[in-house]
Structure formats: C-alpha cells, structure tokens
Protein backbone atom coordinates (compact mmCIF):
# COMPACT_ATOMS: atom_id res chain seq x y z
CA MET A 1 0.00 0.00 0.00
CA THR A 2 1.36 3.43 -0.98
CA GLU A 3 1.31 5.99 1.76
CA LYS A 4 -0.25 9.29 0.72
CA ARG A 5 -0.16 12.68 2.33
CA SER A 6 -2.73 15.36 1.58
CA GLU A 7 -3.03 19.03 2.50
CA ASN A 8 -5.91 21.49 2.27
CA SER A 9 -5.67 25.28 2.47
CA SER A 10 -8.01 28.22 2.18
CA GLY A 11 -7.48 31.97 2.37
CA ILE A 12 -8.44 35.48 1.33
CA ARG A 13 -6.17 38.46 0.62
CA ASP A 14 -7.46 42.05 0.47
CA TYR A 15 -6.01 45.38 -0.62
CA ALA A 16 -8.13 48.33 0.46
CA PHE A 17 -8.26 52.10 0.04
CA LYS A 18 -10.67 54.17 2.14
CA THR A 19 -11.21 57.91 2.49
CA ASP A 20 -13.63 59.89 4.69
CA PHE A 21 -14.56 63.58 4.82
CA ASP A 22 -16.40 65.67 7.44
CA TYR A 23 -18.15 68.97 6.77
CA PHE A 24 -19.74 71.00 9.59
CA LEU A 25 -22.58 73.22 8.37
CA SER A 26 -23.17 74.37 11.96
CA ASN A 27 -22.79 73.11 15.51
CA ASN A 28 -25.99 71.13 15.03
CA HIS A 29 -25.52 69.98 11.44
CA HIS A 30 -22.75 67.60 10.40
CA LEU A 31 -22.18 65.97 7.00
CA LYS A 32 -20.01 62.94 6.30
CA PHE A 33 -19.10 61.38 2.95
CA GLY A 34 -16.45 59.06 1.60
CA ALA A 35 -15.47 56.15 -0.62
CA LEU A 36 -14.07 52.64 -0.32
CA ILE A 37 -12.34 50.28 -2.77
CA ILE A 38 -11.26 46.73 -1.90
CA HIS A 39 -9.53 44.24 -4.17
CA HIS A 40 -10.46 40.72 -3.04
CA HIS A 41 -8.37 37.67 -3.90
CA TYR A 42 -10.09 34.44 -2.80
CA GLN A 43 -8.63 30.95 -2.63
CA PRO A 44 -11.45 28.92 -1.08
CA LYS A 45 -9.79 25.62 -1.90
CA GLY A 46 -6.14 24.71 -2.28
CA TYR A 47 -5.43 20.97 -2.40
CA SER A 48 -2.30 18.85 -2.80
CA VAL A 49 -1.63 15.12 -2.41
CA SER A 50 1.69 13.31 -2.67
CA ASP A 51 2.92 9.72 -2.18
CA ALA A 52 6.21 8.11 -1.17
CA THR A 53 7.69 8.78 -4.64
CA ASN A 54 6.89 12.51 -4.23
CA GLN A 55 4.50 12.38 -7.17
CA ALA A 56 2.15 15.23 -6.41
CA ILE A 57 -1.28 16.29 -7.58
CA GLU A 58 -2.13 19.90 -6.96
CA SER A 59 -5.36 21.78 -7.44
CA SER A 60 -6.64 25.21 -6.46
CA GLN A 61 -9.60 27.49 -6.97
CA GLU A 62 -9.04 31.24 -7.18
CA PHE A 63 -11.39 34.19 -7.67
CA LYS A 64 -10.80 37.93 -7.89
CA ASN A 65 -13.13 40.91 -7.81
CA VAL A 66 -13.26 44.54 -6.75
CA GLU A 67 -15.71 45.86 -4.18
CA PHE A 68 -16.51 49.58 -4.08
CA ALA A 69 -18.76 51.92 -2.13
CA PHE A 70 -19.66 55.62 -1.93
CA TYR A 71 -21.62 57.02 0.99
CA TRP A 72 -23.01 60.19 2.49
CA GLU A 73 -24.48 60.78 5.93
CA ASP A 74 -26.32 63.72 7.51
CA ASP A 75 -26.28 64.11 11.30
CA PHE A 76 -28.78 66.83 12.21
CA GLN A 77 -29.90 68.10 15.64
CA ILE A 78 -33.35 69.37 14.64
CA THR A 79 -34.46 70.60 18.08
CA ASN A 80 -33.22 70.25 21.64
CA LYS A 81 -35.22 67.04 21.92
CA LEU A 82 -35.13 65.58 18.40
CA SER A 83 -32.10 64.54 16.36
CA THR A 84 -31.78 62.44 13.24
CA ASN A 85 -29.13 60.67 11.24
CA PHE A 86 -29.85 59.54 7.69
CA GLY A 87 -27.84 58.65 4.64
CA THR A 88 -27.29 56.34 1.71
CA ARG A 89 -24.53 53.99 0.66
CA PHE A 90 -24.12 53.02 -2.99
CA GLY A 91 -21.92 49.98 -3.48
CA GLY A 92 -21.30 46.85 -5.45
CA VAL A 93 -18.82 44.43 -6.98
CA LEU A 94 -16.97 44.62 -10.29
CA ASP A 95 -15.97 41.26 -11.74
CA ALA A 96 -14.40 40.78 -15.17
CA ASN A 97 -15.44 37.10 -15.36
CA THR A 98 -19.05 37.32 -14.20
CA ASP A 99 -21.74 39.94 -13.91
CA SER A 100 -21.25 43.01 -11.74
CA TYR A 101 -23.64 43.88 -8.91
CA PHE A 102 -24.88 47.24 -7.60
CA ASN A 103 -27.06 48.09 -4.61
CA ILE A 104 -28.39 51.13 -2.76
CA GLU A 105 -28.38 50.97 1.03
CA PRO A 106 -30.56 53.56 2.81
CA ARG A 107 -30.35 54.06 6.57
CA VAL A 108 -32.06 56.35 9.05
CA SER A 109 -32.20 56.78 12.83
CA LEU A 110 -34.23 59.06 15.12
CA ASP A 111 -33.56 60.02 18.74
CA PHE A 112 -36.14 61.75 20.90
CA GLN A 113 -35.38 63.08 24.38
CA LEU A 114 -38.46 62.47 26.52
CA SER A 115 -36.89 64.10 29.58
CA LYS A 116 -33.49 64.95 30.98
CA SER A 117 -32.93 61.31 31.90
CA THR A 118 -34.95 59.33 29.33
CA ALA A 119 -34.61 58.99 25.55
CA ILE A 120 -36.15 56.87 22.79
CA HIS A 121 -34.22 55.86 19.70
CA SER A 122 -35.21 53.98 16.57
CA ALA A 123 -33.31 52.93 13.47
CA TYR A 124 -33.60 51.19 10.12
CA SER A 125 -30.79 50.11 7.79
CA ARG A 126 -30.27 48.01 4.70
CA THR A 127 -26.89 46.39 4.18
CA ASN A 128 -25.29 44.13 1.56
CA GLN A 129 -22.34 41.83 2.08
CA TYR A 130 -20.35 41.09 -1.08
CA MET A 131 -18.70 37.92 0.17
CA HIS A 132 -20.07 34.79 1.78
CA LEU A 133 -18.91 32.99 4.91
CA LEU A 134 -19.30 29.22 4.69
CA SER A 135 -19.13 27.46 8.06
CA ASN A 136 -19.49 23.79 8.87
CA THR A 137 -22.35 23.25 11.29
CA GLY A 138 -21.71 19.65 12.26
CA LEU A 139 -18.97 17.67 13.95
CA GLY A 140 -15.25 18.23 13.72
CA LEU A 141 -12.94 21.22 13.89
CA PRO A 142 -14.78 24.48 13.08
CA THR A 143 -13.98 25.65 9.55
CA ASP A 144 -14.83 29.07 8.09
CA LEU A 145 -14.32 29.75 4.39
CA TRP A 146 -14.81 33.02 2.50
CA VAL A 147 -16.17 32.77 -1.04
CA PRO A 148 -17.21 35.49 -3.53
CA VAL A 149 -20.63 36.51 -4.78
CA THR A 150 -21.65 34.99 -8.12
CA GLN A 151 -24.70 34.75 -10.37
CA HIS A 152 -25.96 31.79 -8.33
CA THR A 153 -24.96 33.22 -4.93
CA PRO A 154 -25.70 36.97 -4.96
CA ALA A 155 -24.83 39.34 -2.13
CA VAL A 156 -26.35 38.73 1.28
CA GLN A 157 -28.91 41.47 1.92
CA ALA A 158 -30.25 42.42 5.34
CA ASP A 159 -32.96 44.79 6.58
CA GLN A 160 -32.71 45.62 10.27
CA TYR A 161 -35.12 47.51 12.53
CA ALA A 162 -34.35 48.58 16.09
CA LEU A 163 -36.25 50.37 18.85
CA GLY A 164 -34.85 51.21 22.27
CA VAL A 165 -35.26 53.22 25.46
CA THR A 166 -32.39 54.65 27.52
CA GLY A 167 -32.64 56.03 31.03
CA ASN A 168 -30.15 57.64 33.42
CA ILE A 169 -30.03 57.84 37.21
CA PRO A 170 -27.77 60.92 37.41
CA HIS A 171 -26.93 60.96 41.12
CA LYS A 172 -25.96 57.26 40.90
CA SER A 173 -24.17 57.52 37.51
CA ILE A 174 -26.20 54.55 36.31
CA LEU A 175 -27.37 53.99 32.72
CA ILE A 176 -30.22 51.60 31.91
CA SER A 177 -31.18 50.66 28.36
CA VAL A 178 -33.52 48.21 26.65
CA GLU A 179 -33.43 47.63 22.89
CA THR A 180 -35.26 45.21 20.64
CA TYR A 181 -34.34 44.39 17.05
CA ARG A 182 -35.57 42.47 14.03
CA LYS A 183 -33.36 41.41 11.13
CA TYR A 184 -34.41 39.86 7.81
CA LEU A 185 -31.78 38.14 5.66
CA ARG A 186 -31.84 37.13 1.99
CA ASN A 187 -29.39 35.14 -0.16
CA ILE A 188 -27.59 33.46 2.74
CA ILE A 189 -25.78 30.24 1.79
CA THR A 190 -24.75 27.06 3.55
CA TYR A 191 -23.44 23.62 2.66
CA LYS A 192 -25.92 21.14 1.33
CA ASP A 193 -26.43 18.09 3.52
CA GLY A 194 -23.18 16.10 3.59
CA ALA A 195 -21.36 18.49 1.25
CA THR A 196 -17.94 20.06 1.69
CA PHE A 197 -15.28 21.13 -0.78
CA LEU A 198 -12.41 20.45 1.62
CA SER A 199 -12.74 16.70 1.14
CA VAL A 200 -9.46 14.78 0.93
CA ASP A 201 -11.08 12.36 -1.51
CA ASP A 202 -11.30 14.70 -4.49
CA ALA A 203 -8.35 16.55 -5.92
CA GLU A 204 -10.22 17.75 -8.99
CA ASN A 205 -11.76 21.19 -9.21
CA ILE A 206 -15.36 20.69 -8.11
CA ASP A 207 -17.46 23.81 -8.55
CA TRP A 208 -18.13 24.95 -4.97
CA GLU A 209 -21.45 26.50 -6.05
CA GLU A 210 -22.81 22.98 -6.63
CA ASN A 211 -22.22 22.17 -2.95
CA VAL A 212 -24.14 25.06 -1.41
CA SER A 213 -27.77 26.00 -0.99
CA SER A 214 -29.20 29.53 -0.94
CA GLY A 215 -31.97 30.62 1.41
CA LYS A 216 -33.20 33.23 3.87
CA GLY A 217 -33.00 33.92 7.56
CA TRP A 218 -34.53 35.80 10.46
CA SER A 219 -33.00 36.99 13.71
CA TYR A 220 -34.64 38.94 16.49
CA GLY A 221 -34.18 39.59 20.17
CA THR A 222 -34.03 42.05 23.03
CA GLU A 223 -30.98 43.43 24.84
CA PHE A 224 -30.91 44.71 28.43
CA LEU A 225 -28.02 46.75 29.84
CA VAL A 226 -27.24 48.34 33.21
CA SER A 227 -23.91 50.16 33.56
CA LYS A 228 -22.10 52.42 36.02
CA ASN A 229 -19.19 54.44 34.64
CA GLU A 230 -18.15 56.68 37.53
CA GLY A 231 -16.83 56.22 41.05
CA ARG A 232 -14.51 53.67 42.63
CA LEU A 233 -16.86 50.86 41.67
CA GLN A 234 -17.67 50.64 37.97
CA GLY A 235 -19.15 47.93 35.83
CA LEU A 236 -21.96 46.62 33.67
CA ILE A 237 -24.47 43.79 33.44
CA SER A 238 -25.99 42.88 30.09
CA TYR A 239 -28.42 40.18 29.03
CA THR A 240 -29.59 39.30 25.52
CA LEU A 241 -32.49 37.02 24.61
CA SER A 242 -32.34 36.20 20.89
CA TRP A 243 -33.32 33.78 18.12
CA ALA A 244 -31.72 33.04 14.73
CA ILE A 245 -33.65 30.98 12.16
CA ASN A 246 -32.78 29.82 8.63
CA GLN A 247 -34.73 28.26 5.78
CA PHE A 248 -33.42 26.55 2.63
CA ALA A 249 -35.51 24.83 -0.02
CA ASP A 250 -33.39 21.66 -0.17
CA ILE A 251 -32.36 21.36 3.50
CA ASN A 252 -34.48 19.95 6.33
CA GLN A 253 -37.28 19.29 3.81
CA GLY A 254 -37.66 23.02 3.28
CA LYS A 255 -38.69 23.58 6.92
CA ARG A 256 -37.27 26.32 9.12
CA PHE A 257 -34.58 25.41 11.64
CA TYR A 258 -32.42 27.18 14.20
CA ALA A 259 -29.20 28.54 12.70
CA SER A 260 -25.79 27.57 14.06
CA THR A 261 -25.47 31.20 15.25
CA ASP A 262 -28.57 30.87 17.44
CA ARG A 263 -27.64 31.53 21.08
CA ARG A 264 -30.78 31.93 23.11
CA HIS A 265 -29.20 33.51 26.17
CA ALA A 266 -26.10 35.68 26.52
CA ILE A 267 -24.96 37.27 29.77
CA SER A 268 -21.99 39.53 30.40
CA MET A 269 -20.92 40.94 33.75
CA ALA A 270 -17.86 43.13 34.18
CA GLY A 271 -16.69 45.16 37.13
CA SER A 272 -13.70 47.03 38.50
CA TYR A 273 -12.92 48.50 41.90
CA LYS A 274 -10.18 50.96 42.83
CA LEU A 275 -8.62 49.73 46.04
CA SER A 276 -6.38 52.81 45.97
CA PRO A 277 -5.16 55.35 43.38
CA LYS A 278 -2.47 52.83 42.43
CA VAL A 279 -4.29 49.49 42.64
CA ASN A 280 -7.34 48.35 40.66
CA VAL A 281 -9.12 44.97 40.66
CA SER A 282 -11.27 43.81 37.76
CA VAL A 283 -13.42 40.74 37.01
CA ASN A 284 -15.30 39.67 33.90
CA TRP A 285 -17.79 36.79 33.54
CA ILE A 286 -19.50 35.76 30.32
CA PHE A 287 -22.13 33.15 29.54
CA ASN A 288 -23.45 32.01 26.16
CA ALA A 289 -26.06 29.32 25.73
CA GLY A 290 -24.99 26.40 23.56
CA ASN A 291 -25.49 26.77 19.83
CA PRO A 292 -27.33 24.23 17.62
CA LEU A 293 -25.21 21.72 15.70
CA ASN A 294 -25.94 19.22 12.97
CA VAL A 295 -25.17 15.93 14.75
CA PRO A 296 -26.54 12.46 13.91
CA GLN A 297 -29.43 11.63 16.18
CA GLY A 298 -28.69 7.93 16.04
CA PHE A 299 -27.02 5.09 14.15
CA TYR A 300 -28.23 1.83 12.69
CA HIS A 301 -26.57 -1.26 11.28
CA GLY A 302 -28.64 -1.99 8.24
CA ASN A 303 -29.46 -5.33 6.72
CA PHE A 304 -31.27 -3.75 3.81
CA ALA A 305 -32.62 -7.08 2.55
CA THR A 306 -34.73 -7.44 5.68
CA GLY A 307 -34.87 -3.86 6.89
CA ALA A 308 -32.77 -1.54 9.06
CA ASP A 309 -32.54 -1.78 12.81
CA ILE A 310 -32.38 1.62 14.53
CA LYS A 311 -30.67 1.23 17.88
CA GLY A 312 -31.26 4.57 19.55
CA VAL A 313 -31.04 8.34 19.46
CA TRP A 314 -28.88 10.91 21.21
CA GLY A 315 -29.92 12.21 24.60
CA ASP A 316 -29.37 15.68 26.04
CA THR A 317 -25.83 14.89 27.21
CA VAL A 318 -22.69 13.88 25.34
CA THR A 319 -22.32 10.57 27.21
CA TYR A 320 -25.36 8.75 25.82
CA GLU A 321 -24.20 5.65 23.93
CA ILE A 322 -25.72 3.89 20.94
CA ARG A 323 -24.93 0.18 20.73
CA THR A 324 -25.02 -1.75 17.46
CA ARG A 325 -23.66 -5.05 16.19
CA GLY A 326 -21.54 -5.33 13.07
CA THR A 327 -19.04 -2.93 11.55
CA ASP A 328 -21.03 -0.66 9.21
CA LEU A 329 -22.74 2.11 11.17
CA VAL A 330 -25.10 4.31 9.18
CA PRO A 331 -26.01 7.70 10.71
CA TYR A 332 -29.60 8.74 11.17
CA ALA A 333 -29.55 12.48 10.53
CA GLY A 334 -32.91 13.62 11.87
CA SER A 335 -33.82 17.30 11.64
CA THR A 336 -31.15 19.92 10.92
CA ASN A 337 -29.25 21.42 13.86
CA SER A 338 -31.28 19.40 16.36
CA PHE A 339 -28.36 18.93 18.78
CA LYS A 340 -27.69 21.62 21.39
CA ALA A 341 -24.07 22.14 22.40
CA GLU A 342 -23.03 22.77 25.99
CA SER A 343 -23.14 26.32 27.29
CA TYR A 344 -19.98 28.43 27.25
CA HIS A 345 -18.98 30.38 30.34
CA ARG A 346 -15.79 31.55 32.02
CA LEU A 347 -14.45 33.99 34.62
CA ASP A 348 -11.45 36.28 34.05
CA MET A 349 -9.75 38.18 36.88
CA ALA A 350 -6.96 40.76 36.99
CA VAL A 351 -5.13 43.12 39.36
CA GLN A 352 -3.52 46.29 37.96
CA PHE A 353 -0.76 48.27 39.67
CA HIS A 354 -0.26 51.80 38.39
CA LYS A 355 2.53 54.22 39.20
CA LYS A 356 3.06 57.65 37.68
CA LYS A 357 6.62 58.90 37.23
CA LYS A 358 7.79 62.31 36.09
CA LYS A 359 8.23 61.33 32.45
CA TYR A 360 6.14 58.20 32.10
CA GLU A 361 3.49 55.95 33.62
CA ARG A 362 4.07 52.32 34.53
CA PHE A 363 1.44 49.56 34.59
CA TRP A 364 1.75 46.03 35.94
CA GLU A 365 -1.14 43.60 35.45
CA PHE A 366 -1.48 40.10 36.86
CA GLY A 367 -4.36 38.21 35.29
CA LEU A 368 -6.11 34.86 35.42
CA PHE A 369 -7.98 33.65 32.33
CA ASN A 370 -10.74 31.08 32.90
CA ALA A 371 -10.25 31.28 36.64
CA TYR A 372 -12.36 28.22 37.56
CA ASN A 373 -10.92 26.14 34.70
CA ARG A 374 -14.18 25.60 32.81
CA LYS A 375 -13.73 23.04 30.02
CA ASN A 376 -15.75 24.77 27.34
CA PRO A 377 -16.38 22.71 24.20
CA PHE A 378 -14.49 23.91 21.13
CA TYR A 379 -15.82 21.19 18.85
CA TYR A 380 -17.47 17.76 19.01
CA TYR A 381 -16.51 14.50 17.32
CA LEU A 382 -17.71 10.89 17.18
CA GLU A 383 -15.55 8.00 18.31
CA ARG A 384 -16.22 4.31 17.81
CA GLU A 385 -15.55 2.02 20.77
CA ASN A 386 -15.60 -1.75 21.19
CA ASP A 387 -17.60 -3.32 24.01
CA PHE A 388 -16.20 -6.81 24.39
CA SER A 389 -18.63 -7.73 27.18
CA THR A 390 -21.55 -7.56 24.75
CA ASN A 391 -19.58 -8.22 21.57
CA SER A 392 -20.83 -4.95 20.08
CA GLN A 393 -19.69 -1.48 19.12
CA ARG A 394 -20.88 1.88 20.25
CA MET A 395 -20.54 5.44 18.94
CA VAL A 396 -19.74 7.96 21.64
CA LEU A 397 -20.09 11.72 21.15
CA ARG A 398 -17.11 13.49 22.67
CA LYS A 399 -15.99 17.09 22.97
CA LYS A 400 -12.62 18.77 22.60
CA SER A 401 -11.77 21.70 24.86
CA PHE A 402 -8.98 24.27 24.73
CA LEU A 403 -7.69 27.17 26.82
CA PRO A 404 -7.82 25.98 30.44
CA ILE A 405 -6.96 28.25 33.37
CA LEU A 406 -4.10 30.52 32.23
CA PRO A 407 -2.14 33.07 34.30
CA SER A 408 -0.69 36.16 32.61
CA ILE A 409 1.65 39.04 33.42
CA THR A 410 1.61 42.32 31.49
CA TYR A 411 3.95 45.30 31.77
CA ASN A 412 3.21 48.60 30.01
CA LEU A 413 4.98 51.94 29.77
CA LYS A 414 3.09 55.10 28.77
CA PHE A 415 5.06 58.23 27.85
C-alpha cells in the first residue's frame, strides 16, 4: 500500500483604500461622505496530495473581484429634543469574469429626548455583504471559508429595525437601556447536507457552487443593559435574549430550523474596583447558551434485505451511547441542527498596579484567564468504541476543549 499525504488550504487576501470627509454646516448639522475600494483575492480551496515517490497532484480554486462603495451621511440636531441621522450607501462588486452587482443601502435613525434622563431611539438600515462565509455546522474542527458573490450566490442582503429606550439615574451615575431588534436576511448560503469542498477524496476542481444552498434567515431579540461608569466601583451587566432561524428549499425538507449562530441567552458581567489610586481589581464573567449543531441523532446497522434496525437516538448529554452489532454504522440524521451544544462560560480576573513617574506611567497587570478552569467545548466528534462484554460497538459523542486556566503578566509603559 502506498502511503499518501494530503493538504488542504483556504485563504483570502485584500487590498483596500478608504477615504472619509467631514463637513460642519453648523454646531448642530454635520455631513459625512467618503469612498471605499477593496480588491479581493479568494482561494477557497487549495489541495495537494503526494505519495512516497513525491508524485504530487495539486489543485486550487481562485477568484478575484473589486468591491466599491460611496456614501453620504447627515447628522442633524433638529431641536433640543429631536435629532436624526440619515444617509445612503451606494456599493457593489466589479468582476471581469461574471456579472457586476450594484445596490443602494438607505439608513435612518431618530432620537427623541423624553426628559433629561430618558430617551427613545429607533433605526432602520439596509446592508449588503459582497462575500459569503461558509461554516461547517456539524462535527469536527470548526472551519470558516470566505467565497465570492456569483450569479448563483448573490450578495447577502439584510434589513434591520431597532427600537430602544435609555434612562439615566444621574446621582448614581447609572445607565439603563432596553433595545429590541428584528433582522431579515436574503441570499444566505450554507453547505448542502453532507457536502464540503475540503474533502481529501477529491483533488479535482469541483465547482463549490454545486455544494451550497441559498436561502433566507430571520434573527430577532431584546438586549438589556445596566452600567455604572463613575466612582470607585464601575461595571456593567448585560443580558440578551435572541433567536436566529434559517430556511433553505433543499435542506431539512424546506422547513425552518435554528441557525448555528442561534444563542438563546447571553450574559456579560464586568466590574472594576479601585482599592487605591495605584491598585485596581477587575473581574469579567461571560455566559453564552450552547449553539445548535448538525449531529446524527442515532445510528443503525442496516441489513437492507430485511430492513434496518435503529438502535437509539442521542440524549441531552454527550455521554449517551448507541450500541449496534456489526461494523457498518449508518447515521440517522434527523432534523437539521437538532443537537444543542453545551453552554460556554468563564471567569477572568486581573489586578492592575499603576505608578506615575515624572516622564512616564508604569502599569503592571497580573491576570487569570478562565479562573475556575471551565472546560468549554471547542468542537465535538464521534468515536467508535468496542464493548467486548456484549460483543458490540458503540458510537460515543465526545468534545474537545482548549484554553484551560491561564495566568498572565503584562507590563506597560506610557510616555
């Protein structure tokens, strides 16, 4: 048997030029305008395979295009209580090999001061993204690939609406805000079921567009924030309740399903306390609910002449085992993204020592990342095990974790 070695690579290289201008008509009227040009060079798939004789097969896919944009923005304080910001962005992509694309992106926001301590703000914006991010949503090491817009995969377009209320407690230096949003997405793409163009089995140039499906998405939620920015004790507490839903005609039988970016609950708490003018202590804790993943719900060993024997389905934990006899295990997919990953949370702590000299300032910081050594899942994978007591095999879902508790020391000089 000839030993073979294969390598996959993917990348994107950009060259950008951006310019912005500001023009003040008055203290209450401010204009902004500018332009942007980006040259994109994509290599979504680079593949090489070689054997013991160093005979190599190489293959790559490359795409180039130019993204451009012109914008203007008007920031106007109409009255003491009402201000507005509105503008338009005209942008698109120029491609010598395929069609070019152009879009107009309006945006507007209004802020109304109900009282000295309370304000209401609302906003609408339309945006277009002229490149696509392809992410695997199942098992294995997370992989993100950037690919260009084409005739079959046009730019991702989003309409977003937001409405919020902000209140201040002046004598306590406390800010409270609540904001809700709705976002509607078109032309999003994802891999078709079982598809990937980083397979080590095919060195030929397979058109990546044949492996993706185009659809639409919705995301909505509400954000709550309480912060204190003055005094010896400062900090914030934020909580977000959100949903992210996708729909593709040829995935999950055309039914809606939760996107891999869906994280129902997100909490962030940060605080700092000045023990003295020279010593400051800070802590930061974050929590994110587990995201949905596309994981087989079960396995069966099929004798297709007499029918398949389904042995079980996954439970809510990663230790549930599915036993089956024989060597050929066939996955039972179930509905898309039906598995919920474990929640992610960690605590970071730090102590800062500050000393001011005549010509410079010195900062020492001693930190602790992931202070209680939480083993957060980075990715999941399936492993086959033998059970000799029952003369059977089982598939066990396992997780891989990185970044345990880590101490750090930082030294800074400020002149």
